[in-house]
Amino acid sequence: MKIWKLVAGILSIIFSVIVFFQSMLVGTANTLSSNGEVGGSAGLFVSIFMLSGGIVSIVIRNSEKTTGNIALGILFGLGAFLGFSMAGSYSDLNIWAGWCFINMGLAIVSVVKLRKRGY
């Protein structure tokens, strides 16, 4: 799981930059068209949760405690929830929310494996 946490952390940081700029453009388009959608704003929050989840993932990769993995699951879970629930016409946000959901699931698997080992 250490390699996964490092790779997922690096990819999440890179993806968060992409999501941030996409969301800024989508938010600007939503504002100019006055369509009332909030996909761009939701994308900004998803990028923040993805960035913080990536940083936490890199920091806790060598930890044998479950608390960091629980925090990781919560961060990626919030990103997935916001992304799936508020995407609207910003369909790329569903892809990024899917990435957050995968990372949340793997964080839960890591918690279960650590608890079986007695940590």
PDB file of N, CA and C in Angstrom:
ATOM      1  N   MET A   1       0.811  -1.199   0.000  1.00  0.00           N
ATOM      2  CA  MET A   1       0.000   0.000   0.000  1.00  0.00           C
ATOM      3  C   MET A   1       0.857   1.266   0.000  1.00  0.00           C
ATOM      4  N   LYS A   2       2.135   1.131   0.372  1.00  0.00           N
ATOM      5  CA  LYS A   2       2.992   2.313   0.420  1.00  0.00           C
ATOM      6  C   LYS A   2       3.190   2.898  -0.973  1.00  0.00           C
ATOM      7  N   ILE A   3       3.380   2.012  -1.953  1.00  0.00           N
ATOM      8  CA  ILE A   3       3.595   2.494  -3.320  1.00  0.00           C
ATOM      9  C   ILE A   3       2.325   3.145  -3.847  1.00  0.00           C
ATOM     10  N   TRP A   4       1.166   2.522  -3.544  1.00  0.00           N
ATOM     11  CA  TRP A   4      -0.099   3.110  -3.981  1.00  0.00           C
ATOM     12  C   TRP A   4      -0.274   4.504  -3.403  1.00  0.00           C
ATOM     13  N   LYS A   5       0.035   4.676  -2.144  1.00  0.00           N
ATOM     14  CA  LYS A   5      -0.160   5.981  -1.512  1.00  0.00           C
ATOM     15  C   LYS A   5       0.737   7.038  -2.142  1.00  0.00           C
ATOM     16  N   LEU A   6       1.958   6.668  -2.477  1.00  0.00           N
ATOM     17  CA  LEU A   6       2.864   7.623  -3.111  1.00  0.00           C
ATOM     18  C   LEU A   6       2.382   7.974  -4.518  1.00  0.00           C
ATOM     19  N   VAL A   7       2.059   6.959  -5.312  1.00  0.00           N
ATOM     20  CA  VAL A   7       1.621   7.195  -6.690  1.00  0.00           C
ATOM     21  C   VAL A   7       0.293   7.945  -6.716  1.00  0.00           C
ATOM     22  N   ALA A   8      -0.651   7.513  -5.884  1.00  0.00           N
ATOM     23  CA  ALA A   8      -1.953   8.190  -5.841  1.00  0.00           C
ATOM     24  C   ALA A   8      -1.809   9.621  -5.351  1.00  0.00           C
ATOM     25  N   GLY A   9      -0.898   9.858  -4.417  1.00  0.00           N
ATOM     26  CA  GLY A   9      -0.676  11.212  -3.933  1.00  0.00           C
ATOM     27  C   GLY A   9      -0.126  12.125  -5.011  1.00  0.00           C
ATOM     28  N   ILE A  10       0.863  11.633  -5.747  1.00  0.00           N
ATOM     29  CA  ILE A  10       1.449  12.439  -6.821  1.00  0.00           C
ATOM     30  C   ILE A  10       0.426  12.699  -7.919  1.00  0.00           C
ATOM     31  N   LEU A  11      -0.299  11.641  -8.327  1.00  0.00           N
ATOM     32  CA  LEU A  11      -1.314  11.813  -9.366  1.00  0.00           C
ATOM     33  C   LEU A  11      -2.436  12.741  -8.906  1.00  0.00           C
ATOM     34  N   SER A  12      -2.819  12.650  -7.652  1.00  0.00           N
ATOM     35  CA  SER A  12      -3.885  13.518  -7.141  1.00  0.00           C
ATOM     36  C   SER A  12      -3.462  14.979  -7.144  1.00  0.00           C
ATOM     37  N   ILE A  13      -2.214  15.240  -6.827  1.00  0.00           N
ATOM     38  CA  ILE A  13      -1.727  16.622  -6.861  1.00  0.00           C
ATOM     39  C   ILE A  13      -1.717  17.146  -8.296  1.00  0.00           C
ATOM     40  N   ILE A  14      -1.269  16.323  -9.235  1.00  0.00           N
ATOM     41  CA  ILE A  14      -1.262  16.731 -10.643  1.00  0.00           C
ATOM     42  C   ILE A  14      -2.689  16.927 -11.146  1.00  0.00           C
ATOM     43  N   PHE A  15      -3.573  15.966 -10.833  1.00  0.00           N
ATOM     44  CA  PHE A  15      -4.964  16.067 -11.270  1.00  0.00           C
ATOM     45  C   PHE A  15      -5.663  17.271 -10.651  1.00  0.00           C
ATOM     46  N   SER A  16      -5.301  17.632  -9.430  1.00  0.00           N
ATOM     47  CA  SER A  16      -5.968  18.761  -8.780  1.00  0.00           C
ATOM     48  C   SER A  16      -5.688  20.068  -9.522  1.00  0.00           C
ATOM     49  N   VAL A  17      -4.501  20.191 -10.089  1.00  0.00           N
ATOM     50  CA  VAL A  17      -4.188  21.389 -10.876  1.00  0.00           C
ATOM     51  C   VAL A  17      -5.053  21.426 -12.137  1.00  0.00           C
ATOM     52  N   ILE A  18      -5.192  20.272 -12.788  1.00  0.00           N
ATOM     53  CA  ILE A  18      -6.026  20.193 -13.993  1.00  0.00           C
ATOM     54  C   ILE A  18      -7.477  20.520 -13.655  1.00  0.00           C
ATOM     55  N   VAL A  19      -7.985  19.925 -12.588  1.00  0.00           N
ATOM     56  CA  VAL A  19      -9.373  20.162 -12.174  1.00  0.00           C
ATOM     57  C   VAL A  19      -9.575  21.632 -11.819  1.00  0.00           C
ATOM     58  N   PHE A  20      -8.594  22.233 -11.172  1.00  0.00           N
ATOM     59  CA  PHE A  20      -8.704  23.636 -10.781  1.00  0.00           C
ATOM     60  C   PHE A  20      -8.896  24.530 -12.003  1.00  0.00           C
ATOM     61  N   PHE A  21      -8.047  24.359 -13.019  1.00  0.00           N
ATOM     62  CA  PHE A  21      -8.152  25.217 -14.196  1.00  0.00           C
ATOM     63  C   PHE A  21      -9.404  24.912 -15.014  1.00  0.00           C
ATOM     64  N   GLN A  22      -9.778  23.643 -15.121  1.00  0.00           N
ATOM     65  CA  GLN A  22     -11.027  23.310 -15.798  1.00  0.00           C
ATOM     66  C   GLN A  22     -12.211  23.952 -15.087  1.00  0.00           C
ATOM     67  N   SER A  23     -12.206  23.886 -13.779  1.00  0.00           N
ATOM     68  CA  SER A  23     -13.321  24.415 -12.999  1.00  0.00           C
ATOM     69  C   SER A  23     -13.413  25.929 -13.108  1.00  0.00           C
ATOM     70  N   MET A  24     -12.269  26.584 -13.184  1.00  0.00           N
ATOM     71  CA  MET A  24     -12.304  28.035 -13.363  1.00  0.00           C
ATOM     72  C   MET A  24     -12.957  28.389 -14.691  1.00  0.00           C
ATOM     73  N   LEU A  25     -12.617  27.657 -15.746  1.00  0.00           N
ATOM     74  CA  LEU A  25     -13.210  27.931 -17.050  1.00  0.00           C
ATOM     75  C   LEU A  25     -14.696  27.603 -17.067  1.00  0.00           C
ATOM     76  N   VAL A  26     -15.074  26.477 -16.475  1.00  0.00           N
ATOM     77  CA  VAL A  26     -16.489  26.099 -16.428  1.00  0.00           C
ATOM     78  C   VAL A  26     -17.276  27.094 -15.587  1.00  0.00           C
ATOM     79  N   GLY A  27     -16.718  27.520 -14.469  1.00  0.00           N
ATOM     80  CA  GLY A  27     -17.393  28.506 -13.627  1.00  0.00           C
ATOM     81  C   GLY A  27     -17.586  29.828 -14.341  1.00  0.00           C
ATOM     82  N   THR A  28     -16.579  30.242 -15.101  1.00  0.00           N
ATOM     83  CA  THR A  28     -16.703  31.474 -15.875  1.00  0.00           C
ATOM     84  C   THR A  28     -17.782  31.335 -16.940  1.00  0.00           C
ATOM     85  N   ALA A  29     -17.809  30.198 -17.627  1.00  0.00           N
ATOM     86  CA  ALA A  29     -18.837  29.968 -18.646  1.00  0.00           C
ATOM     87  C   ALA A  29     -20.229  29.918 -18.022  1.00  0.00           C
ATOM     88  N   ASN A  30     -20.351  29.300 -16.856  1.00  0.00           N
ATOM     89  CA  ASN A  30     -21.649  29.260 -16.174  1.00  0.00           C
ATOM     90  C   ASN A  30     -22.109  30.657 -15.780  1.00  0.00           C
ATOM     91  N   THR A  31     -21.180  31.483 -15.348  1.00  0.00           N
ATOM     92  CA  THR A  31     -21.533  32.844 -14.951  1.00  0.00           C
ATOM     93  C   THR A  31     -21.939  33.680 -16.158  1.00  0.00           C
ATOM     94  N   LEU A  32     -21.187  33.556 -17.251  1.00  0.00           N
ATOM     95  CA  LEU A  32     -21.498  34.340 -18.444  1.00  0.00           C
ATOM     96  C   LEU A  32     -22.826  33.928 -19.069  1.00  0.00           C
ATOM     97  N   SER A  33     -23.139  32.640 -19.014  1.00  0.00           N
ATOM     98  CA  SER A  33     -24.396  32.183 -19.610  1.00  0.00           C
ATOM     99  C   SER A  33     -25.574  32.287 -18.642  1.00  0.00           C
ATOM    100  N   SER A  34     -25.320  32.602 -17.395  1.00  0.00           N
ATOM    101  CA  SER A  34     -26.359  32.758 -16.364  1.00  0.00           C
ATOM    102  C   SER A  34     -27.310  31.566 -16.318  1.00  0.00           C
ATOM    103  N   ASN A  35     -26.737  30.357 -16.358  1.00  0.00           N
ATOM    104  CA  ASN A  35     -27.579  29.160 -16.366  1.00  0.00           C
ATOM    105  C   ASN A  35     -27.837  28.611 -14.968  1.00  0.00           C
ATOM    106  N   GLY A  36     -27.233  29.182 -13.951  1.00  0.00           N
ATOM    107  CA  GLY A  36     -27.499  28.782 -12.574  1.00  0.00           C
ATOM    108  C   GLY A  36     -26.822  27.504 -12.139  1.00  0.00           C
ATOM    109  N   GLU A  37     -25.939  26.944 -12.942  1.00  0.00           N
ATOM    110  CA  GLU A  37     -25.248  25.715 -12.549  1.00  0.00           C
ATOM    111  C   GLU A  37     -24.063  26.038 -11.648  1.00  0.00           C
ATOM    112  N   VAL A  38     -23.703  25.072 -10.817  1.00  0.00           N
ATOM    113  CA  VAL A  38     -22.621  25.280  -9.855  1.00  0.00           C
ATOM    114  C   VAL A  38     -21.490  24.273 -10.054  1.00  0.00           C
ATOM    115  N   GLY A  39     -21.409  23.668 -11.236  1.00  0.00           N
ATOM    116  CA  GLY A  39     -20.380  22.664 -11.491  1.00  0.00           C
ATOM    117  C   GLY A  39     -18.971  23.219 -11.372  1.00  0.00           C
ATOM    118  N   GLY A  40     -18.773  24.454 -11.806  1.00  0.00           N
ATOM    119  CA  GLY A  40     -17.449  25.055 -11.701  1.00  0.00           C
ATOM    120  C   GLY A  40     -17.035  25.286 -10.262  1.00  0.00           C
ATOM    121  N   SER A  41     -17.949  25.771  -9.461  1.00  0.00           N
ATOM    122  CA  SER A  41     -17.649  25.985  -8.040  1.00  0.00           C
ATOM    123  C   SER A  41     -17.416  24.667  -7.324  1.00  0.00           C
ATOM    124  N   ALA A  42     -18.211  23.670  -7.651  1.00  0.00           N
ATOM    125  CA  ALA A  42     -18.020  22.343  -7.052  1.00  0.00           C
ATOM    126  C   ALA A  42     -16.672  21.774  -7.456  1.00  0.00           C
ATOM    127  N   GLY A  43     -16.262  22.015  -8.694  1.00  0.00           N
ATOM    128  CA  GLY A  43     -14.967  21.537  -9.160  1.00  0.00           C
ATOM    129  C   GLY A  43     -13.813  22.155  -8.399  1.00  0.00           C
ATOM    130  N   LEU A  44     -13.955  23.421  -8.014  1.00  0.00           N
ATOM    131  CA  LEU A  44     -12.909  24.053  -7.209  1.00  0.00           C
ATOM    132  C   LEU A  44     -12.771  23.358  -5.863  1.00  0.00           C
ATOM    133  N   PHE A  45     -13.900  23.018  -5.250  1.00  0.00           N
ATOM    134  CA  PHE A  45     -13.844  22.299  -3.974  1.00  0.00           C
ATOM    135  C   PHE A  45     -13.287  20.887  -4.155  1.00  0.00           C
ATOM    136  N   VAL A  46     -13.654  20.239  -5.253  1.00  0.00           N
ATOM    137  CA  VAL A  46     -13.107  18.903  -5.522  1.00  0.00           C
ATOM    138  C   VAL A  46     -11.596  18.986  -5.688  1.00  0.00           C
ATOM    139  N   SER A  47     -11.113  20.017  -6.376  1.00  0.00           N
ATOM    140  CA  SER A  47      -9.663  20.152  -6.556  1.00  0.00           C
ATOM    141  C   SER A  47      -8.963  20.411  -5.226  1.00  0.00           C
ATOM    142  N   ILE A  48      -9.597  21.147  -4.330  1.00  0.00           N
ATOM    143  CA  ILE A  48      -9.002  21.389  -3.011  1.00  0.00           C
ATOM    144  C   ILE A  48      -8.936  20.093  -2.215  1.00  0.00           C
ATOM    145  N   PHE A  49     -10.042  19.320  -2.222  1.00  0.00           N
ATOM    146  CA  PHE A  49     -10.040  18.040  -1.510  1.00  0.00           C
ATOM    147  C   PHE A  49      -9.050  17.063  -2.140  1.00  0.00           C
ATOM    148  N   MET A  50      -8.923  17.106  -3.475  1.00  0.00           N
ATOM    149  CA  MET A  50      -7.991  16.214  -4.149  1.00  0.00           C
ATOM    150  C   MET A  50      -6.547  16.593  -3.821  1.00  0.00           C
ATOM    151  N   LEU A  51      -6.253  17.888  -3.782  1.00  0.00           N
ATOM    152  CA  LEU A  51      -4.910  18.345  -3.429  1.00  0.00           C
ATOM    153  C   LEU A  51      -4.567  17.971  -1.996  1.00  0.00           C
ATOM    154  N   SER A  52      -5.482  18.243  -1.076  1.00  0.00           N
ATOM    155  CA  SER A  52      -5.202  17.909   0.324  1.00  0.00           C
ATOM    156  C   SER A  52      -5.121  16.400   0.524  1.00  0.00           C
ATOM    157  N   GLY A  53      -5.950  15.639  -0.177  1.00  0.00           N
ATOM    158  CA  GLY A  53      -5.862  14.182  -0.097  1.00  0.00           C
ATOM    159  C   GLY A  53      -4.549  13.663  -0.648  1.00  0.00           C
ATOM    160  N   GLY A  54      -4.061  14.266  -1.722  1.00  0.00           N
ATOM    161  CA  GLY A  54      -2.774  13.862  -2.271  1.00  0.00           C
ATOM    162  C   GLY A  54      -1.625  14.145  -1.328  1.00  0.00           C
ATOM    163  N   ILE A  55      -1.665  15.296  -0.679  1.00  0.00           N
ATOM    164  CA  ILE A  55      -0.614  15.639   0.282  1.00  0.00           C
ATOM    165  C   ILE A  55      -0.649  14.691   1.473  1.00  0.00           C
ATOM    166  N   VAL A  56      -1.846  14.441   2.000  1.00  0.00           N
ATOM    167  CA  VAL A  56      -1.973  13.520   3.134  1.00  0.00           C
ATOM    168  C   VAL A  56      -1.521  12.123   2.736  1.00  0.00           C
ATOM    169  N   SER A  57      -1.850  11.707   1.528  1.00  0.00           N
ATOM    170  CA  SER A  57      -1.457  10.381   1.058  1.00  0.00           C
ATOM    171  C   SER A  57       0.060  10.219   1.028  1.00  0.00           C
ATOM    172  N   ILE A  58       0.757  11.236   0.567  1.00  0.00           N
ATOM    173  CA  ILE A  58       2.220  11.170   0.528  1.00  0.00           C
ATOM    174  C   ILE A  58       2.798  11.186   1.941  1.00  0.00           C
ATOM    175  N   VAL A  59       2.222  11.999   2.809  1.00  0.00           N
ATOM    176  CA  VAL A  59       2.753  12.136   4.166  1.00  0.00           C
ATOM    177  C   VAL A  59       2.577  10.852   4.977  1.00  0.00           C
ATOM    178  N   ILE A  60       1.450  10.167   4.822  1.00  0.00           N
ATOM    179  CA  ILE A  60       1.165   9.002   5.674  1.00  0.00           C
ATOM    180  C   ILE A  60       1.567   7.675   5.044  1.00  0.00           C
ATOM    181  N   ARG A  61       2.270   7.689   3.939  1.00  0.00           N
ATOM    182  CA  ARG A  61       2.544   6.431   3.237  1.00  0.00           C
ATOM    183  C   ARG A  61       3.339   5.432   4.073  1.00  0.00           C
ATOM    184  N   ASN A  62       4.156   5.881   5.008  1.00  0.00           N
ATOM    185  CA  ASN A  62       4.942   4.964   5.845  1.00  0.00           C
ATOM    186  C   ASN A  62       4.335   4.749   7.225  1.00  0.00           C
ATOM    187  N   SER A  63       3.158   5.317   7.461  1.00  0.00           N
ATOM    188  CA  SER A  63       2.533   5.222   8.777  1.00  0.00           C
ATOM    189  C   SER A  63       1.877   3.861   8.972  1.00  0.00           C
ATOM    190  N   GLU A  64       1.945   3.364  10.185  1.00  0.00           N
ATOM    191  CA  GLU A  64       1.304   2.098  10.538  1.00  0.00           C
ATOM    192  C   GLU A  64       0.032   2.317  11.344  1.00  0.00           C
ATOM    193  N   LYS A  65      -0.435   3.559  11.431  1.00  0.00           N
ATOM    194  CA  LYS A  65      -1.648   3.876  12.177  1.00  0.00           C
ATOM    195  C   LYS A  65      -2.808   4.062  11.205  1.00  0.00           C
ATOM    196  N   THR A  66      -4.009   3.879  11.714  1.00  0.00           N
ATOM    197  CA  THR A  66      -5.184   3.979  10.852  1.00  0.00           C
ATOM    198  C   THR A  66      -5.736   5.397  10.748  1.00  0.00           C
ATOM    199  N   THR A  67      -5.327   6.290  11.640  1.00  0.00           N
ATOM    200  CA  THR A  67      -5.928   7.622  11.655  1.00  0.00           C
ATOM    201  C   THR A  67      -5.661   8.403  10.371  1.00  0.00           C
ATOM    202  N   GLY A  68      -4.476   8.293   9.830  1.00  0.00           N
ATOM    203  CA  GLY A  68      -4.167   8.979   8.581  1.00  0.00           C
ATOM    204  C   GLY A  68      -4.980   8.441   7.420  1.00  0.00           C
ATOM    205  N   ASN A  69      -5.172   7.134   7.393  1.00  0.00           N
ATOM    206  CA  ASN A  69      -5.970   6.538   6.328  1.00  0.00           C
ATOM    207  C   ASN A  69      -7.443   6.908   6.456  1.00  0.00           C
ATOM    208  N   ILE A  70      -7.914   7.051   7.679  1.00  0.00           N
ATOM    209  CA  ILE A  70      -9.297   7.499   7.882  1.00  0.00           C
ATOM    210  C   ILE A  70      -9.456   8.931   7.368  1.00  0.00           C
ATOM    211  N   ALA A  71      -8.496   9.787   7.680  1.00  0.00           N
ATOM    212  CA  ALA A  71      -8.529  11.166   7.180  1.00  0.00           C
ATOM    213  C   ALA A  71      -8.474  11.187   5.656  1.00  0.00           C
ATOM    214  N   LEU A  72      -7.657  10.308   5.094  1.00  0.00           N
ATOM    215  CA  LEU A  72      -7.545  10.206   3.642  1.00  0.00           C
ATOM    216  C   LEU A  72      -8.875   9.797   3.025  1.00  0.00           C
ATOM    217  N   GLY A  73      -9.531   8.828   3.634  1.00  0.00           N
ATOM    218  CA  GLY A  73     -10.835   8.395   3.143  1.00  0.00           C
ATOM    219  C   GLY A  73     -11.881   9.491   3.229  1.00  0.00           C
ATOM    220  N   ILE A  74     -11.833  10.275   4.302  1.00  0.00           N
ATOM    221  CA  ILE A  74     -12.794  11.370   4.459  1.00  0.00           C
ATOM    222  C   ILE A  74     -12.554  12.449   3.408  1.00  0.00           C
ATOM    223  N   LEU A  75     -11.294  12.830   3.183  1.00  0.00           N
ATOM    224  CA  LEU A  75     -10.992  13.870   2.198  1.00  0.00           C
ATOM    225  C   LEU A  75     -11.419  13.453   0.798  1.00  0.00           C
ATOM    226  N   PHE A  76     -11.024  12.250   0.400  1.00  0.00           N
ATOM    227  CA  PHE A  76     -11.401  11.790  -0.934  1.00  0.00           C
ATOM    228  C   PHE A  76     -12.901  11.507  -1.016  1.00  0.00           C
ATOM    229  N   GLY A  77     -13.505  11.080   0.082  1.00  0.00           N
ATOM    230  CA  GLY A  77     -14.947  10.850   0.096  1.00  0.00           C
ATOM    231  C   GLY A  77     -15.734  12.138  -0.099  1.00  0.00           C
ATOM    232  N   LEU A  78     -15.295  13.205   0.552  1.00  0.00           N
ATOM    233  CA  LEU A  78     -15.954  14.502   0.366  1.00  0.00           C
ATOM    234  C   LEU A  78     -15.802  14.991  -1.074  1.00  0.00           C
ATOM    235  N   GLY A  79     -14.611  14.793  -1.639  1.00  0.00           N
ATOM    236  CA  GLY A  79     -14.405  15.172  -3.033  1.00  0.00           C
ATOM    237  C   GLY A  79     -15.299  14.386  -3.974  1.00  0.00           C
ATOM    238  N   ALA A  80     -15.430  13.089  -3.732  1.00  0.00           N
ATOM    239  CA  ALA A  80     -16.290  12.253  -4.571  1.00  0.00           C
ATOM    240  C   ALA A  80     -17.753  12.656  -4.424  1.00  0.00           C
ATOM    241  N   PHE A  81     -18.187  12.895  -3.189  1.00  0.00           N
ATOM    242  CA  PHE A  81     -19.583  13.278  -2.955  1.00  0.00           C
ATOM    243  C   PHE A  81     -19.924  14.591  -3.656  1.00  0.00           C
ATOM    244  N   LEU A  82     -19.072  15.601  -3.481  1.00  0.00           N
ATOM    245  CA  LEU A  82     -19.332  16.888  -4.125  1.00  0.00           C
ATOM    246  C   LEU A  82     -19.296  16.769  -5.641  1.00  0.00           C
ATOM    247  N   GLY A  83     -18.339  16.010  -6.146  1.00  0.00           N
ATOM    248  CA  GLY A  83     -18.215  15.874  -7.591  1.00  0.00           C
ATOM    249  C   GLY A  83     -19.409  15.186  -8.223  1.00  0.00           C
ATOM    250  N   PHE A  84     -19.835  14.074  -7.642  1.00  0.00           N
ATOM    251  CA  PHE A  84     -20.963  13.344  -8.212  1.00  0.00           C
ATOM    252  C   PHE A  84     -22.282  14.096  -8.045  1.00  0.00           C
ATOM    253  N   SER A  85     -22.452  14.774  -6.934  1.00  0.00           N
ATOM    254  CA  SER A  85     -23.751  15.398  -6.661  1.00  0.00           C
ATOM    255  C   SER A  85     -23.937  16.748  -7.339  1.00  0.00           C
ATOM    256  N   MET A  86     -22.849  17.444  -7.680  1.00  0.00           N
ATOM    257  CA  MET A  86     -22.989  18.804  -8.186  1.00  0.00           C
ATOM    258  C   MET A  86     -22.372  19.007  -9.563  1.00  0.00           C
ATOM    259  N   ALA A  87     -22.145  17.949 -10.312  1.00  0.00           N
ATOM    260  CA  ALA A  87     -21.458  18.075 -11.595  1.00  0.00           C
ATOM    261  C   ALA A  87     -22.276  18.868 -12.612  1.00  0.00           C
ATOM    262  N   GLY A  88     -23.546  18.597 -12.753  1.00  0.00           N
ATOM    263  CA  GLY A  88     -24.361  19.297 -13.742  1.00  0.00           C
ATOM    264  C   GLY A  88     -23.885  18.994 -15.152  1.00  0.00           C
ATOM    265  N   SER A  89     -23.699  20.039 -15.952  1.00  0.00           N
ATOM    266  CA  SER A  89     -23.241  19.841 -17.327  1.00  0.00           C
ATOM    267  C   SER A  89     -21.725  19.682 -17.416  1.00  0.00           C
ATOM    268  N   TYR A  90     -21.034  19.867 -16.318  1.00  0.00           N
ATOM    269  CA  TYR A  90     -19.575  19.702 -16.255  1.00  0.00           C
ATOM    270  C   TYR A  90     -19.288  18.212 -16.065  1.00  0.00           C
ATOM    271  N   SER A  91     -19.375  17.467 -17.169  1.00  0.00           N
ATOM    272  CA  SER A  91     -19.308  16.004 -17.087  1.00  0.00           C
ATOM    273  C   SER A  91     -17.919  15.488 -16.718  1.00  0.00           C
ATOM    274  N   ASP A  92     -16.884  16.261 -16.957  1.00  0.00           N
ATOM    275  CA  ASP A  92     -15.541  15.829 -16.553  1.00  0.00           C
ATOM    276  C   ASP A  92     -15.426  15.695 -15.041  1.00  0.00           C
ATOM    277  N   LEU A  93     -16.252  16.431 -14.326  1.00  0.00           N
ATOM    278  CA  LEU A  93     -16.204  16.370 -12.867  1.00  0.00           C
ATOM    279  C   LEU A  93     -16.575  14.979 -12.362  1.00  0.00           C
ATOM    280  N   ASN A  94     -17.407  14.261 -13.120  1.00  0.00           N
ATOM    281  CA  ASN A  94     -17.729  12.881 -12.745  1.00  0.00           C
ATOM    282  C   ASN A  94     -16.496  11.987 -12.814  1.00  0.00           C
ATOM    283  N   ILE A  95     -15.619  12.243 -13.772  1.00  0.00           N
ATOM    284  CA  ILE A  95     -14.379  11.463 -13.891  1.00  0.00           C
ATOM    285  C   ILE A  95     -13.480  11.733 -12.689  1.00  0.00           C
ATOM    286  N   TRP A  96     -13.330  12.998 -12.324  1.00  0.00           N
ATOM    287  CA  TRP A  96     -12.476  13.350 -11.190  1.00  0.00           C
ATOM    288  C   TRP A  96     -13.076  12.853  -9.885  1.00  0.00           C
ATOM    289  N   ALA A  97     -14.396  12.883  -9.790  1.00  0.00           N
ATOM    290  CA  ALA A  97     -15.059  12.333  -8.603  1.00  0.00           C
ATOM    291  C   ALA A  97     -14.856  10.821  -8.541  1.00  0.00           C
ATOM    292  N   GLY A  98     -14.815  10.181  -9.700  1.00  0.00           N
ATOM    293  CA  GLY A  98     -14.526   8.745  -9.742  1.00  0.00           C
ATOM    294  C   GLY A  98     -13.128   8.439  -9.236  1.00  0.00           C
ATOM    295  N   TRP A  99     -12.161   9.278  -9.585  1.00  0.00           N
ATOM    296  CA  TRP A  99     -10.799   9.112  -9.070  1.00  0.00           C
ATOM    297  C   TRP A  99     -10.784   9.255  -7.549  1.00  0.00           C
ATOM    298  N   CYS A 100     -11.514  10.235  -7.043  1.00  0.00           N
ATOM    299  CA  CYS A 100     -11.604  10.406  -5.586  1.00  0.00           C
ATOM    300  C   CYS A 100     -12.268   9.198  -4.940  1.00  0.00           C
ATOM    301  N   PHE A 101     -13.301   8.651  -5.589  1.00  0.00           N
ATOM    302  CA  PHE A 101     -14.007   7.493  -5.047  1.00  0.00           C
ATOM    303  C   PHE A 101     -13.098   6.267  -4.994  1.00  0.00           C
ATOM    304  N   ILE A 102     -12.284   6.069  -6.025  1.00  0.00           N
ATOM    305  CA  ILE A 102     -11.334   4.949  -6.034  1.00  0.00           C
ATOM    306  C   ILE A 102     -10.341   5.095  -4.887  1.00  0.00           C
ATOM    307  N   ASN A 103      -9.814   6.298  -4.707  1.00  0.00           N
ATOM    308  CA  ASN A 103      -8.857   6.531  -3.619  1.00  0.00           C
ATOM    309  C   ASN A 103      -9.502   6.370  -2.253  1.00  0.00           C
ATOM    310  N   MET A 104     -10.760   6.776  -2.130  1.00  0.00           N
ATOM    311  CA  MET A 104     -11.467   6.580  -0.868  1.00  0.00           C
ATOM    312  C   MET A 104     -11.612   5.084  -0.578  1.00  0.00           C
ATOM    313  N   GLY A 105     -11.975   4.322  -1.590  1.00  0.00           N
ATOM    314  CA  GLY A 105     -12.113   2.878  -1.409  1.00  0.00           C
ATOM    315  C   GLY A 105     -10.812   2.217  -1.015  1.00  0.00           C
ATOM    316  N   LEU A 106      -9.718   2.623  -1.635  1.00  0.00           N
ATOM    317  CA  LEU A 106      -8.425   2.039  -1.292  1.00  0.00           C
ATOM    318  C   LEU A 106      -7.961   2.470   0.098  1.00  0.00           C
ATOM    319  N   ALA A 107      -8.342   3.660   0.528  1.00  0.00           N
ATOM    320  CA  ALA A 107      -8.021   4.076   1.902  1.00  0.00           C
ATOM    321  C   ALA A 107      -8.785   3.223   2.908  1.00  0.00           C
ATOM    322  N   ILE A 108     -10.030   2.892   2.589  1.00  0.00           N
ATOM    323  CA  ILE A 108     -10.809   2.023   3.474  1.00  0.00           C
ATOM    324  C   ILE A 108     -10.198   0.631   3.521  1.00  0.00           C
ATOM    325  N   VAL A 109      -9.750   0.122   2.369  1.00  0.00           N
ATOM    326  CA  VAL A 109      -9.074  -1.182   2.335  1.00  0.00           C
ATOM    327  C   VAL A 109      -7.821  -1.146   3.195  1.00  0.00           C
ATOM    328  N   SER A 110      -7.082  -0.055   3.138  1.00  0.00           N
ATOM    329  CA  SER A 110      -5.874   0.083   3.946  1.00  0.00           C
ATOM    330  C   SER A 110      -6.197   0.091   5.438  1.00  0.00           C
ATOM    331  N   VAL A 111      -7.281   0.755   5.820  1.00  0.00           N
ATOM    332  CA  VAL A 111      -7.694   0.764   7.230  1.00  0.00           C
ATOM    333  C   VAL A 111      -8.038  -0.646   7.685  1.00  0.00           C
ATOM    334  N   VAL A 112      -8.777  -1.375   6.868  1.00  0.00           N
ATOM    335  CA  VAL A 112      -9.175  -2.740   7.229  1.00  0.00           C
ATOM    336  C   VAL A 112      -7.954  -3.643   7.351  1.00  0.00           C
ATOM    337  N   LYS A 113      -7.010  -3.512   6.422  1.00  0.00           N
ATOM    338  CA  LYS A 113      -5.799  -4.339   6.482  1.00  0.00           C
ATOM    339  C   LYS A 113      -4.964  -4.019   7.714  1.00  0.00           C
ATOM    340  N   LEU A 114      -4.857  -2.742   8.063  1.00  0.00           N
ATOM    341  CA  LEU A 114      -4.087  -2.371   9.252  1.00  0.00           C
ATOM    342  C   LEU A 114      -4.763  -2.850  10.527  1.00  0.00           C
ATOM    343  N   ARG A 115      -6.079  -2.814  10.564  1.00  0.00           N
ATOM    344  CA  ARG A 115      -6.789  -3.295  11.759  1.00  0.00           C
ATOM    345  C   ARG A 115      -6.663  -4.801  11.908  1.00  0.00           C
ATOM    346  N   LYS A 116      -6.599  -5.524  10.792  1.00  0.00           N
ATOM    347  CA  LYS A 116      -6.412  -6.975  10.877  1.00  0.00           C
ATOM    348  C   LYS A 116      -5.034  -7.317  11.426  1.00  0.00           C
ATOM    349  N   ARG A 117      -4.055  -6.452  11.141  1.00  0.00           N
ATOM    350  CA  ARG A 117      -2.704  -6.667  11.665  1.00  0.00           C
ATOM    351  C   ARG A 117      -2.575  -6.223  13.114  1.00  0.00           C
ATOM    352  N   GLY A 118      -3.574  -5.533  13.617  1.00  0.00           N
ATOM    353  CA  GLY A 118      -3.565  -5.135  15.019  1.00  0.00           C
ATOM    354  C   GLY A 118      -3.091  -3.731  15.288  1.00  0.00           C
ATOM    355  N   TYR A 119      -3.053  -2.865  14.273  1.00  0.00           N
ATOM    356  CA  TYR A 119      -2.594  -1.487  14.490  1.00  0.00           C
ATOM    357  C   TYR A 119      -3.762  -0.592  14.775  1.00  0.00           C
TER     358      TYR A 119
END
